[in-house]
Amino acid sequence: MTQHTTPQSDALPTTVRDFLSAHVVRDADASWSCLTEDAVIVDQGEAFRGPEQVYAFLRDAGSEFEYTTEQIGAHRIDDTHCVAVLRLEGSFPGGVAELDYRFTLRDDRIAGLVVANHEG
């Protein structure tokens, strides 16, 4: 069974909390609604640009695995940058991963997201 926690950290803006809540349950439409039209997502070094690539990432990322997601940290860097730390456990290689989701905001929407190994 796949379980996910709902991010509730006050350190994160509402848009980021909404995005994470939708993303961890693979609701691509709800995730998409939190992004700017020109948003760029970089996941483990691979960039997704343009509406088709970004939406495909939101729809398909991690879909080949079963895993649980737990938000284990969050902090705001400044008015336009924040980081959420997610811990994933599941059937992917290695079985456990802690990832930083680094957000860049513009006009209360997500203009950029970089997903990378946690810099603990």
PDB file of N, CA and C in Angstrom:
ATOM      1  N   MET A   1       0.838  -1.176   0.000  1.00  0.00           N
ATOM      2  CA  MET A   1       0.000   0.000   0.000  1.00  0.00           C
ATOM      3  C   MET A   1       0.888   1.245   0.000  1.00  0.00           C
ATOM      4  N   THR A   2       0.502   2.248  -0.765  1.00  0.00           N
ATOM      5  CA  THR A   2       1.228   3.498  -0.829  1.00  0.00           C
ATOM      6  C   THR A   2       0.555   4.510   0.084  1.00  0.00           C
ATOM      7  N   GLN A   3       1.349   5.132   0.967  1.00  0.00           N
ATOM      8  CA  GLN A   3       0.832   6.138   1.877  1.00  0.00           C
ATOM      9  C   GLN A   3       1.667   7.402   1.734  1.00  0.00           C
ATOM     10  N   HIS A   4       1.047   8.526   1.963  1.00  0.00           N
ATOM     11  CA  HIS A   4       1.739   9.798   1.878  1.00  0.00           C
ATOM     12  C   HIS A   4       1.252  10.699   2.996  1.00  0.00           C
ATOM     13  N   THR A   5       2.168  11.488   3.543  1.00  0.00           N
ATOM     14  CA  THR A   5       1.750  12.486   4.511  1.00  0.00           C
ATOM     15  C   THR A   5       1.407  13.765   3.772  1.00  0.00           C
ATOM     16  N   THR A   6       0.549  14.558   4.357  1.00  0.00           N
ATOM     17  CA  THR A   6       0.199  15.843   3.775  1.00  0.00           C
ATOM     18  C   THR A   6       1.082  16.910   4.398  1.00  0.00           C
ATOM     19  N   PRO A   7       1.878  17.607   3.588  1.00  0.00           N
ATOM     20  CA  PRO A   7       2.760  18.637   4.138  1.00  0.00           C
ATOM     21  C   PRO A   7       1.952  19.744   4.819  1.00  0.00           C
ATOM     22  N   GLN A   8       2.310  20.094   6.037  1.00  0.00           N
ATOM     23  CA  GLN A   8       1.588  21.118   6.777  1.00  0.00           C
ATOM     24  C   GLN A   8       2.512  22.197   7.331  1.00  0.00           C
ATOM     25  N   SER A   9       3.756  22.227   6.921  1.00  0.00           N
ATOM     26  CA  SER A   9       4.713  23.149   7.507  1.00  0.00           C
ATOM     27  C   SER A   9       4.361  24.604   7.218  1.00  0.00           C
ATOM     28  N   ASP A  10       4.317  25.421   8.280  1.00  0.00           N
ATOM     29  CA  ASP A  10       4.083  26.846   8.122  1.00  0.00           C
ATOM     30  C   ASP A  10       5.270  27.551   7.478  1.00  0.00           C
ATOM     31  N   ALA A  11       6.422  26.876   7.400  1.00  0.00           N
ATOM     32  CA  ALA A  11       7.593  27.466   6.765  1.00  0.00           C
ATOM     33  C   ALA A  11       7.414  27.565   5.253  1.00  0.00           C
ATOM     34  N   LEU A  12       6.457  26.815   4.712  1.00  0.00           N
ATOM     35  CA  LEU A  12       6.245  26.793   3.267  1.00  0.00           C
ATOM     36  C   LEU A  12       5.031  27.639   2.886  1.00  0.00           C
ATOM     37  N   PRO A  13       5.141  28.378   1.789  1.00  0.00           N
ATOM     38  CA  PRO A  13       3.976  29.129   1.307  1.00  0.00           C
ATOM     39  C   PRO A  13       2.838  28.184   0.925  1.00  0.00           C
ATOM     40  N   THR A  14       1.630  28.703   0.946  1.00  0.00           N
ATOM     41  CA  THR A  14       0.448  27.907   0.623  1.00  0.00           C
ATOM     42  C   THR A  14       0.574  27.225  -0.734  1.00  0.00           C
ATOM     43  N   THR A  15       1.073  27.923  -1.734  1.00  0.00           N
ATOM     44  CA  THR A  15       1.217  27.339  -3.073  1.00  0.00           C
ATOM     45  C   THR A  15       2.099  26.104  -3.051  1.00  0.00           C
ATOM     46  N   VAL A  16       3.183  26.157  -2.300  1.00  0.00           N
ATOM     47  CA  VAL A  16       4.096  25.010  -2.211  1.00  0.00           C
ATOM     48  C   VAL A  16       3.429  23.873  -1.450  1.00  0.00           C
ATOM     49  N   ARG A  17       2.750  24.174  -0.364  1.00  0.00           N
ATOM     50  CA  ARG A  17       2.033  23.124   0.372  1.00  0.00           C
ATOM     51  C   ARG A  17       0.985  22.468  -0.518  1.00  0.00           C
ATOM     52  N   ASP A  18       0.245  23.280  -1.288  1.00  0.00           N
ATOM     53  CA  ASP A  18      -0.762  22.726  -2.203  1.00  0.00           C
ATOM     54  C   ASP A  18      -0.123  21.844  -3.260  1.00  0.00           C
ATOM     55  N   PHE A  19       1.007  22.310  -3.813  1.00  0.00           N
ATOM     56  CA  PHE A  19       1.715  21.526  -4.824  1.00  0.00           C
ATOM     57  C   PHE A  19       2.149  20.184  -4.251  1.00  0.00           C
ATOM     58  N   LEU A  20       2.796  20.205  -3.091  1.00  0.00           N
ATOM     59  CA  LEU A  20       3.290  18.954  -2.506  1.00  0.00           C
ATOM     60  C   LEU A  20       2.153  18.001  -2.171  1.00  0.00           C
ATOM     61  N   SER A  21       1.072  18.525  -1.636  1.00  0.00           N
ATOM     62  CA  SER A  21      -0.076  17.668  -1.322  1.00  0.00           C
ATOM     63  C   SER A  21      -0.585  16.964  -2.570  1.00  0.00           C
ATOM     64  N   ALA A  22      -0.649  17.684  -3.675  1.00  0.00           N
ATOM     65  CA  ALA A  22      -1.116  17.099  -4.933  1.00  0.00           C
ATOM     66  C   ALA A  22      -0.060  16.176  -5.539  1.00  0.00           C
ATOM     67  N   HIS A  23       1.188  16.591  -5.484  1.00  0.00           N
ATOM     68  CA  HIS A  23       2.265  15.821  -6.134  1.00  0.00           C
ATOM     69  C   HIS A  23       2.464  14.451  -5.480  1.00  0.00           C
ATOM     70  N   VAL A  24       2.410  14.389  -4.155  1.00  0.00           N
ATOM     71  CA  VAL A  24       2.672  13.106  -3.500  1.00  0.00           C
ATOM     72  C   VAL A  24       1.568  12.085  -3.754  1.00  0.00           C
ATOM     73  N   VAL A  25       0.383  12.541  -4.130  1.00  0.00           N
ATOM     74  CA  VAL A  25      -0.686  11.599  -4.486  1.00  0.00           C
ATOM     75  C   VAL A  25      -0.867  11.501  -6.001  1.00  0.00           C
ATOM     76  N   ARG A  26       0.094  12.087  -6.724  1.00  0.00           N
ATOM     77  CA  ARG A  26       0.153  12.009  -8.195  1.00  0.00           C
ATOM     78  C   ARG A  26      -1.066  12.639  -8.869  1.00  0.00           C
ATOM     79  N   ASP A  27      -1.508  13.768  -8.345  1.00  0.00           N
ATOM     80  CA  ASP A  27      -2.591  14.528  -8.968  1.00  0.00           C
ATOM     81  C   ASP A  27      -1.942  15.600  -9.844  1.00  0.00           C
ATOM     82  N   ALA A  28      -1.650  15.235 -11.089  1.00  0.00           N
ATOM     83  CA  ALA A  28      -0.924  16.115 -12.001  1.00  0.00           C
ATOM     84  C   ALA A  28      -1.682  17.406 -12.273  1.00  0.00           C
ATOM     85  N   ASP A  29      -2.994  17.343 -12.391  1.00  0.00           N
ATOM     86  CA  ASP A  29      -3.772  18.554 -12.674  1.00  0.00           C
ATOM     87  C   ASP A  29      -3.676  19.558 -11.531  1.00  0.00           C
ATOM     88  N   ALA A  30      -3.811  19.087 -10.309  1.00  0.00           N
ATOM     89  CA  ALA A  30      -3.720  19.985  -9.158  1.00  0.00           C
ATOM     90  C   ALA A  30      -2.296  20.521  -9.002  1.00  0.00           C
ATOM     91  N   SER A  31      -1.289  19.681  -9.231  1.00  0.00           N
ATOM     92  CA  SER A  31       0.102  20.141  -9.173  1.00  0.00           C
ATOM     93  C   SER A  31       0.342  21.211 -10.226  1.00  0.00           C
ATOM     94  N   TRP A  32      -0.117  20.948 -11.434  1.00  0.00           N
ATOM     95  CA  TRP A  32       0.057  21.855 -12.570  1.00  0.00           C
ATOM     96  C   TRP A  32      -0.520  23.232 -12.257  1.00  0.00           C
ATOM     97  N   SER A  33      -1.635  23.279 -11.566  1.00  0.00           N
ATOM     98  CA  SER A  33      -2.301  24.552 -11.287  1.00  0.00           C
ATOM     99  C   SER A  33      -1.478  25.457 -10.367  1.00  0.00           C
ATOM    100  N   CYS A  34      -0.456  24.922  -9.715  1.00  0.00           N
ATOM    101  CA  CYS A  34       0.393  25.700  -8.810  1.00  0.00           C
ATOM    102  C   CYS A  34       1.593  26.333  -9.528  1.00  0.00           C
ATOM    103  N   LEU A  35       1.782  25.997 -10.791  1.00  0.00           N
ATOM    104  CA  LEU A  35       2.975  26.420 -11.530  1.00  0.00           C
ATOM    105  C   LEU A  35       2.712  27.615 -12.428  1.00  0.00           C
ATOM    106  N   THR A  36       3.781  28.366 -12.724  1.00  0.00           N
ATOM    107  CA  THR A  36       3.701  29.396 -13.749  1.00  0.00           C
ATOM    108  C   THR A  36       3.700  28.701 -15.111  1.00  0.00           C
ATOM    109  N   GLU A  37       3.271  29.415 -16.137  1.00  0.00           N
ATOM    110  CA  GLU A  37       3.214  28.828 -17.484  1.00  0.00           C
ATOM    111  C   GLU A  37       4.587  28.425 -18.007  1.00  0.00           C
ATOM    112  N   ASP A  38       5.637  29.111 -17.549  1.00  0.00           N
ATOM    113  CA  ASP A  38       6.988  28.829 -18.031  1.00  0.00           C
ATOM    114  C   ASP A  38       7.844  28.093 -16.994  1.00  0.00           C
ATOM    115  N   ALA A  39       7.199  27.422 -16.057  1.00  0.00           N
ATOM    116  CA  ALA A  39       7.925  26.718 -14.991  1.00  0.00           C
ATOM    117  C   ALA A  39       8.886  25.683 -15.568  1.00  0.00           C
ATOM    118  N   VAL A  40      10.003  25.516 -14.865  1.00  0.00           N
ATOM    119  CA  VAL A  40      11.006  24.509 -15.206  1.00  0.00           C
ATOM    120  C   VAL A  40      11.191  23.616 -13.990  1.00  0.00           C
ATOM    121  N   ILE A  41      11.200  22.312 -14.227  1.00  0.00           N
ATOM    122  CA  ILE A  41      11.469  21.347 -13.162  1.00  0.00           C
ATOM    123  C   ILE A  41      12.743  20.597 -13.518  1.00  0.00           C
ATOM    124  N   VAL A  42      13.633  20.484 -12.545  1.00  0.00           N
ATOM    125  CA  VAL A  42      14.862  19.705 -12.712  1.00  0.00           C
ATOM    126  C   VAL A  42      14.815  18.603 -11.667  1.00  0.00           C
ATOM    127  N   ASP A  43      14.845  17.356 -12.124  1.00  0.00           N
ATOM    128  CA  ASP A  43      14.789  16.201 -11.227  1.00  0.00           C
ATOM    129  C   ASP A  43      16.055  15.384 -11.413  1.00  0.00           C
ATOM    130  N   GLN A  44      16.877  15.354 -10.360  1.00  0.00           N
ATOM    131  CA  GLN A  44      18.133  14.606 -10.379  1.00  0.00           C
ATOM    132  C   GLN A  44      18.957  14.947 -11.622  1.00  0.00           C
ATOM    133  N   GLY A  45      19.010  16.228 -11.956  1.00  0.00           N
ATOM    134  CA  GLY A  45      19.830  16.708 -13.064  1.00  0.00           C
ATOM    135  C   GLY A  45      19.153  16.747 -14.419  1.00  0.00           C
ATOM    136  N   GLU A  46      17.977  16.163 -14.560  1.00  0.00           N
ATOM    137  CA  GLU A  46      17.260  16.171 -15.841  1.00  0.00           C
ATOM    138  C   GLU A  46      16.224  17.286 -15.838  1.00  0.00           C
ATOM    139  N   ALA A  47      16.317  18.188 -16.824  1.00  0.00           N
ATOM    140  CA  ALA A  47      15.422  19.344 -16.884  1.00  0.00           C
ATOM    141  C   ALA A  47      14.185  19.037 -17.720  1.00  0.00           C
ATOM    142  N   PHE A  48      13.054  19.524 -17.234  1.00  0.00           N
ATOM    143  CA  PHE A  48      11.780  19.413 -17.932  1.00  0.00           C
ATOM    144  C   PHE A  48      11.295  20.836 -18.179  1.00  0.00           C
ATOM    145  N   ARG A  49      11.154  21.197 -19.454  1.00  0.00           N
ATOM    146  CA  ARG A  49      10.783  22.550 -19.852  1.00  0.00           C
ATOM    147  C   ARG A  49       9.587  22.498 -20.783  1.00  0.00           C
ATOM    148  N   GLY A  50       8.794  23.523 -20.726  1.00  0.00           N
ATOM    149  CA  GLY A  50       7.630  23.602 -21.592  1.00  0.00           C
ATOM    150  C   GLY A  50       6.476  22.812 -21.008  1.00  0.00           C
ATOM    151  N   PRO A  51       5.267  23.224 -21.354  1.00  0.00           N
ATOM    152  CA  PRO A  51       4.075  22.613 -20.764  1.00  0.00           C
ATOM    153  C   PRO A  51       3.994  21.094 -20.931  1.00  0.00           C
ATOM    154  N   GLU A  52       4.342  20.564 -22.098  1.00  0.00           N
ATOM    155  CA  GLU A  52       4.221  19.117 -22.321  1.00  0.00           C
ATOM    156  C   GLU A  52       5.184  18.331 -21.445  1.00  0.00           C
ATOM    157  N   GLN A  53       6.451  18.737 -21.396  1.00  0.00           N
ATOM    158  CA  GLN A  53       7.446  18.022 -20.591  1.00  0.00           C
ATOM    159  C   GLN A  53       7.139  18.132 -19.101  1.00  0.00           C
ATOM    160  N   VAL A  54       6.786  19.332 -18.658  1.00  0.00           N
ATOM    161  CA  VAL A  54       6.518  19.536 -17.234  1.00  0.00           C
ATOM    162  C   VAL A  54       5.290  18.736 -16.811  1.00  0.00           C
ATOM    163  N   TYR A  55       4.241  18.787 -17.599  1.00  0.00           N
ATOM    164  CA  TYR A  55       3.037  18.032 -17.242  1.00  0.00           C
ATOM    165  C   TYR A  55       3.321  16.529 -17.235  1.00  0.00           C
ATOM    166  N   ALA A  56       4.079  16.035 -18.221  1.00  0.00           N
ATOM    167  CA  ALA A  56       4.436  14.608 -18.259  1.00  0.00           C
ATOM    168  C   ALA A  56       5.224  14.218 -17.015  1.00  0.00           C
ATOM    169  N   PHE A  57       6.137  15.086 -16.570  1.00  0.00           N
ATOM    170  CA  PHE A  57       6.870  14.811 -15.344  1.00  0.00           C
ATOM    171  C   PHE A  57       5.907  14.703 -14.162  1.00  0.00           C
ATOM    172  N   LEU A  58       5.009  15.676 -14.043  1.00  0.00           N
ATOM    173  CA  LEU A  58       4.057  15.664 -12.928  1.00  0.00           C
ATOM    174  C   LEU A  58       3.181  14.420 -12.940  1.00  0.00           C
ATOM    175  N   ARG A  59       2.814  13.976 -14.114  1.00  0.00           N
ATOM    176  CA  ARG A  59       1.935  12.818 -14.266  1.00  0.00           C
ATOM    177  C   ARG A  59       2.676  11.503 -14.010  1.00  0.00           C
ATOM    178  N   ASP A  60       3.937  11.413 -14.452  1.00  0.00           N
ATOM    179  CA  ASP A  60       4.616  10.123 -14.508  1.00  0.00           C
ATOM    180  C   ASP A  60       5.737   9.901 -13.487  1.00  0.00           C
ATOM    181  N   ALA A  61       6.239  10.944 -12.850  1.00  0.00           N
ATOM    182  CA  ALA A  61       7.404  10.801 -11.966  1.00  0.00           C
ATOM    183  C   ALA A  61       7.153   9.757 -10.882  1.00  0.00           C
ATOM    184  N   GLY A  62       7.993   8.745 -10.844  1.00  0.00           N
ATOM    185  CA  GLY A  62       7.912   7.719  -9.822  1.00  0.00           C
ATOM    186  C   GLY A  62       6.786   6.722  -9.972  1.00  0.00           C
ATOM    187  N   SER A  63       6.023   6.802 -11.053  1.00  0.00           N
ATOM    188  CA  SER A  63       4.841   5.940 -11.189  1.00  0.00           C
ATOM    189  C   SER A  63       5.179   4.463 -11.356  1.00  0.00           C
ATOM    190  N   GLU A  64       6.428   4.167 -11.680  1.00  0.00           N
ATOM    191  CA  GLU A  64       6.803   2.763 -11.839  1.00  0.00           C
ATOM    192  C   GLU A  64       7.122   2.081 -10.509  1.00  0.00           C
ATOM    193  N   PHE A  65       7.056   2.840  -9.402  1.00  0.00           N
ATOM    194  CA  PHE A  65       7.400   2.300  -8.091  1.00  0.00           C
ATOM    195  C   PHE A  65       6.251   2.483  -7.106  1.00  0.00           C
ATOM    196  N   GLU A  66       6.245   1.638  -6.087  1.00  0.00           N
ATOM    197  CA  GLU A  66       5.375   1.822  -4.923  1.00  0.00           C
ATOM    198  C   GLU A  66       6.252   2.422  -3.835  1.00  0.00           C
ATOM    199  N   TYR A  67       5.754   3.471  -3.176  1.00  0.00           N
ATOM    200  CA  TYR A  67       6.554   4.091  -2.124  1.00  0.00           C
ATOM    201  C   TYR A  67       5.673   4.933  -1.216  1.00  0.00           C
ATOM    202  N   THR A  68       6.212   5.208  -0.041  1.00  0.00           N
ATOM    203  CA  THR A  68       5.571   6.131   0.883  1.00  0.00           C
ATOM    204  C   THR A  68       6.371   7.426   0.883  1.00  0.00           C
ATOM    205  N   THR A  69       5.707   8.503   1.206  1.00  0.00           N
ATOM    206  CA  THR A  69       6.345   9.816   1.238  1.00  0.00           C
ATOM    207  C   THR A  69       6.037  10.477   2.571  1.00  0.00           C
ATOM    208  N   GLU A  70       7.079  11.042   3.183  1.00  0.00           N
ATOM    209  CA  GLU A  70       6.904  11.773   4.430  1.00  0.00           C
ATOM    210  C   GLU A  70       7.723  13.054   4.351  1.00  0.00           C
ATOM    211  N   GLN A  71       7.086  14.166   4.641  1.00  0.00           N
ATOM    212  CA  GLN A  71       7.838  15.420   4.718  1.00  0.00           C
ATOM    213  C   GLN A  71       8.552  15.445   6.058  1.00  0.00           C
ATOM    214  N   ILE A  72       9.883  15.568   6.027  1.00  0.00           N
ATOM    215  CA  ILE A  72      10.656  15.533   7.265  1.00  0.00           C
ATOM    216  C   ILE A  72      11.316  16.873   7.590  1.00  0.00           C
ATOM    217  N   GLY A  73      11.140  17.845   6.717  1.00  0.00           N
ATOM    218  CA  GLY A  73      11.723  19.148   6.989  1.00  0.00           C
ATOM    219  C   GLY A  73      11.247  20.179   5.987  1.00  0.00           C
ATOM    220  N   ALA A  74      11.416  21.434   6.365  1.00  0.00           N
ATOM    221  CA  ALA A  74      11.070  22.542   5.474  1.00  0.00           C
ATOM    222  C   ALA A  74      11.677  23.810   6.030  1.00  0.00           C
ATOM    223  N   HIS A  75      12.121  24.660   5.125  1.00  0.00           N
ATOM    224  CA  HIS A  75      12.550  25.988   5.562  1.00  0.00           C
ATOM    225  C   HIS A  75      12.438  26.978   4.412  1.00  0.00           C
ATOM    226  N   ARG A  76      12.233  28.203   4.810  1.00  0.00           N
ATOM    227  CA  ARG A  76      12.118  29.294   3.849  1.00  0.00           C
ATOM    228  C   ARG A  76      13.468  29.991   3.782  1.00  0.00           C
ATOM    229  N   ILE A  77      13.974  30.189   2.581  1.00  0.00           N
ATOM    230  CA  ILE A  77      15.259  30.856   2.404  1.00  0.00           C
ATOM    231  C   ILE A  77      15.051  32.369   2.358  1.00  0.00           C
ATOM    232  N   ASP A  78      14.086  32.804   1.558  1.00  0.00           N
ATOM    233  CA  ASP A  78      13.708  34.214   1.455  1.00  0.00           C
ATOM    234  C   ASP A  78      12.296  34.262   0.884  1.00  0.00           C
ATOM    235  N   ASP A  79      11.862  35.423   0.429  1.00  0.00           N
ATOM    236  CA  ASP A  79      10.474  35.554  -0.037  1.00  0.00           C
ATOM    237  C   ASP A  79      10.157  34.726  -1.278  1.00  0.00           C
ATOM    238  N   THR A  80      11.161  34.353  -2.047  1.00  0.00           N
ATOM    239  CA  THR A  80      10.896  33.619  -3.296  1.00  0.00           C
ATOM    240  C   THR A  80      11.531  32.241  -3.355  1.00  0.00           C
ATOM    241  N   HIS A  81      12.170  31.796  -2.278  1.00  0.00           N
ATOM    242  CA  HIS A  81      12.834  30.485  -2.282  1.00  0.00           C
ATOM    243  C   HIS A  81      12.544  29.733  -0.990  1.00  0.00           C
ATOM    244  N   CYS A  82      12.249  28.450  -1.131  1.00  0.00           N
ATOM    245  CA  CYS A  82      12.044  27.598   0.039  1.00  0.00           C
ATOM    246  C   CYS A  82      12.406  26.159  -0.336  1.00  0.00           C
ATOM    247  N   VAL A  83      12.591  25.345   0.700  1.00  0.00           N
ATOM    248  CA  VAL A  83      12.989  23.949   0.513  1.00  0.00           C
ATOM    249  C   VAL A  83      12.122  23.060   1.389  1.00  0.00           C
ATOM    250  N   ALA A  84      11.621  21.979   0.794  1.00  0.00           N
ATOM    251  CA  ALA A  84      10.939  20.926   1.543  1.00  0.00           C
ATOM    252  C   ALA A  84      11.795  19.669   1.428  1.00  0.00           C
ATOM    253  N   VAL A  85      11.956  18.963   2.525  1.00  0.00           N
ATOM    254  CA  VAL A  85      12.717  17.710   2.518  1.00  0.00           C
ATOM    255  C   VAL A  85      11.727  16.562   2.648  1.00  0.00           C
ATOM    256  N   LEU A  86      11.752  15.668   1.655  1.00  0.00           N
ATOM    257  CA  LEU A  86      10.849  14.518   1.645  1.00  0.00           C
ATOM    258  C   LEU A  86      11.652  13.234   1.766  1.00  0.00           C
ATOM    259  N   ARG A  87      11.128  12.321   2.561  1.00  0.00           N
ATOM    260  CA  ARG A  87      11.730  10.985   2.701  1.00  0.00           C
ATOM    261  C   ARG A  87      10.816  10.004   1.990  1.00  0.00           C
ATOM    262  N   LEU A  88      11.389   9.275   1.032  1.00  0.00           N
ATOM    263  CA  LEU A  88      10.650   8.258   0.292  1.00  0.00           C
ATOM    264  C   LEU A  88      11.187   6.887   0.675  1.00  0.00           C
ATOM    265  N   GLU A  89      10.291   5.932   0.891  1.00  0.00           N
ATOM    266  CA  GLU A  89      10.667   4.543   1.142  1.00  0.00           C
ATOM    267  C   GLU A  89       9.826   3.672   0.236  1.00  0.00           C
ATOM    268  N   GLY A  90      10.481   2.760  -0.511  1.00  0.00           N
ATOM    269  CA  GLY A  90       9.691   1.935  -1.390  1.00  0.00           C
ATOM    270  C   GLY A  90      10.475   0.969  -2.242  1.00  0.00           C
ATOM    271  N   SER A  91       9.880   0.626  -3.376  1.00  0.00           N
ATOM    272  CA  SER A  91      10.401  -0.434  -4.243  1.00  0.00           C
ATOM    273  C   SER A  91      11.407   0.062  -5.271  1.00  0.00           C
ATOM    274  N   PHE A  92      11.857   1.285  -5.185  1.00  0.00           N
ATOM    275  CA  PHE A  92      12.863   1.812  -6.110  1.00  0.00           C
ATOM    276  C   PHE A  92      14.255   1.368  -5.661  1.00  0.00           C
ATOM    277  N   PRO A  93      15.258   1.426  -6.548  1.00  0.00           N
ATOM    278  CA  PRO A  93      16.615   1.022  -6.170  1.00  0.00           C
ATOM    279  C   PRO A  93      17.106   1.784  -4.934  1.00  0.00           C
ATOM    280  N   GLY A  94      17.611   1.066  -3.964  1.00  0.00           N
ATOM    281  CA  GLY A  94      18.082   1.657  -2.728  1.00  0.00           C
ATOM    282  C   GLY A  94      17.033   1.675  -1.636  1.00  0.00           C
ATOM    283  N   GLY A  95      15.758   1.715  -2.019  1.00  0.00           N
ATOM    284  CA  GLY A  95      14.661   1.586  -1.080  1.00  0.00           C
ATOM    285  C   GLY A  95      14.332   2.794  -0.231  1.00  0.00           C
ATOM    286  N   VAL A  96      15.304   3.683   0.008  1.00  0.00           N
ATOM    287  CA  VAL A  96      15.078   4.876   0.825  1.00  0.00           C
ATOM    288  C   VAL A  96      15.807   6.042   0.175  1.00  0.00           C
ATOM    289  N   ALA A  97      15.134   7.185   0.137  1.00  0.00           N
ATOM    290  CA  ALA A  97      15.768   8.396  -0.388  1.00  0.00           C
ATOM    291  C   ALA A  97      15.253   9.598   0.374  1.00  0.00           C
ATOM    292  N   GLU A  98      16.148  10.513   0.680  1.00  0.00           N
ATOM    293  CA  GLU A  98      15.760  11.805   1.220  1.00  0.00           C
ATOM    294  C   GLU A  98      16.082  12.839   0.159  1.00  0.00           C
ATOM    295  N   LEU A  99      15.049  13.579  -0.247  1.00  0.00           N
ATOM    296  CA  LEU A  99      15.174  14.509  -1.366  1.00  0.00           C
ATOM    297  C   LEU A  99      14.839  15.925  -0.937  1.00  0.00           C
ATOM    298  N   ASP A 100      15.613  16.874  -1.436  1.00  0.00           N
ATOM    299  CA  ASP A 100      15.296  18.288  -1.292  1.00  0.00           C
ATOM    300  C   ASP A 100      14.461  18.707  -2.487  1.00  0.00           C
ATOM    301  N   TYR A 101      13.345  19.337  -2.222  1.00  0.00           N
ATOM    302  CA  TYR A 101      12.520  19.968  -3.249  1.00  0.00           C
ATOM    303  C   TYR A 101      12.746  21.471  -3.076  1.00  0.00           C
ATOM    304  N   ARG A 102      13.548  22.065  -3.963  1.00  0.00           N
ATOM    305  CA  ARG A 102      13.924  23.473  -3.873  1.00  0.00           C
ATOM    306  C   ARG A 102      13.030  24.285  -4.805  1.00  0.00           C
ATOM    307  N   PHE A 103      12.219  25.139  -4.230  1.00  0.00           N
ATOM    308  CA  PHE A 103      11.226  25.897  -4.982  1.00  0.00           C
ATOM    309  C   PHE A 103      11.656  27.343  -5.197  1.00  0.00           C
ATOM    310  N   THR A 104      11.349  27.848  -6.385  1.00  0.00           N
ATOM    311  CA  THR A 104      11.464  29.266  -6.692  1.00  0.00           C
ATOM    312  C   THR A 104      10.069  29.761  -7.038  1.00  0.00           C
ATOM    313  N   LEU A 105       9.649  30.834  -6.371  1.00  0.00           N
ATOM    314  CA  LEU A 105       8.299  31.365  -6.564  1.00  0.00           C
ATOM    315  C   LEU A 105       8.332  32.680  -7.334  1.00  0.00           C
ATOM    316  N   ARG A 106       7.265  32.897  -8.085  1.00  0.00           N
ATOM    317  CA  ARG A 106       7.058  34.166  -8.776  1.00  0.00           C
ATOM    318  C   ARG A 106       5.560  34.430  -8.791  1.00  0.00           C
ATOM    319  N   ASP A 107       5.161  35.585  -8.287  1.00  0.00           N
ATOM    320  CA  ASP A 107       3.743  35.956  -8.247  1.00  0.00           C
ATOM    321  C   ASP A 107       2.886  34.870  -7.594  1.00  0.00           C
ATOM    322  N   ASP A 108       3.359  34.346  -6.455  1.00  0.00           N
ATOM    323  CA  ASP A 108       2.641  33.333  -5.675  1.00  0.00           C
ATOM    324  C   ASP A 108       2.429  32.007  -6.408  1.00  0.00           C
ATOM    325  N   ARG A 109       3.235  31.753  -7.428  1.00  0.00           N
ATOM    326  CA  ARG A 109       3.180  30.459  -8.121  1.00  0.00           C
ATOM    327  C   ARG A 109       4.600  29.924  -8.232  1.00  0.00           C
ATOM    328  N   ILE A 110       4.719  28.646  -8.512  1.00  0.00           N
ATOM    329  CA  ILE A 110       6.025  27.996  -8.595  1.00  0.00           C
ATOM    330  C   ILE A 110       6.575  28.173 -10.004  1.00  0.00           C
ATOM    331  N   ALA A 111       7.718  28.866 -10.090  1.00  0.00           N
ATOM    332  CA  ALA A 111       8.377  29.096 -11.375  1.00  0.00           C
ATOM    333  C   ALA A 111       9.494  28.092 -11.616  1.00  0.00           C
ATOM    334  N   GLY A 112      10.002  27.506 -10.542  1.00  0.00           N
ATOM    335  CA  GLY A 112      11.076  26.540 -10.675  1.00  0.00           C
ATOM    336  C   GLY A 112      11.067  25.567  -9.515  1.00  0.00           C
ATOM    337  N   LEU A 113      11.450  24.337  -9.834  1.00  0.00           N
ATOM    338  CA  LEU A 113      11.583  23.284  -8.828  1.00  0.00           C
ATOM    339  C   LEU A 113      12.791  22.448  -9.179  1.00  0.00           C
ATOM    340  N   VAL A 114      13.677  22.293  -8.215  1.00  0.00           N
ATOM    341  CA  VAL A 114      14.834  21.408  -8.375  1.00  0.00           C
ATOM    342  C   VAL A 114      14.713  20.321  -7.327  1.00  0.00           C
ATOM    343  N   VAL A 115      14.674  19.067  -7.783  1.00  0.00           N
ATOM    344  CA  VAL A 115      14.615  17.900  -6.899  1.00  0.00           C
ATOM    345  C   VAL A 115      15.991  17.254  -6.921  1.00  0.00           C
ATOM    346  N   ALA A 116      16.600  17.139  -5.740  1.00  0.00           N
ATOM    347  CA  ALA A 116      17.961  16.590  -5.653  1.00  0.00           C
ATOM    348  C   ALA A 116      18.104  15.855  -4.332  1.00  0.00           C
ATOM    349  N   ASN A 117      19.153  15.044  -4.236  1.00  0.00           N
ATOM    350  CA  ASN A 117      19.433  14.356  -2.988  1.00  0.00           C
ATOM    351  C   ASN A 117      19.583  15.380  -1.863  1.00  0.00           C
ATOM    352  N   HIS A 118      19.080  15.025  -0.699  1.00  0.00           N
ATOM    353  CA  HIS A 118      19.110  15.914   0.457  1.00  0.00           C
ATOM    354  C   HIS A 118      20.544  16.240   0.845  1.00  0.00           C
ATOM    355  N   GLU A 119      20.770  17.509   1.107  1.00  0.00           N
ATOM    356  CA  GLU A 119      22.092  17.968   1.539  1.00  0.00           C
ATOM    357  C   GLU A 119      22.108  18.086   3.044  1.00  0.00           C
ATOM    358  N   GLY A 120      21.976  16.932   3.736  1.00  0.00           N
ATOM    359  CA  GLY A 120      21.828  16.896   5.172  1.00  0.00           C
ATOM    360  C   GLY A 120      23.002  17.302   5.921  1.00  0.00           C
TER     361      GLY A 120
END
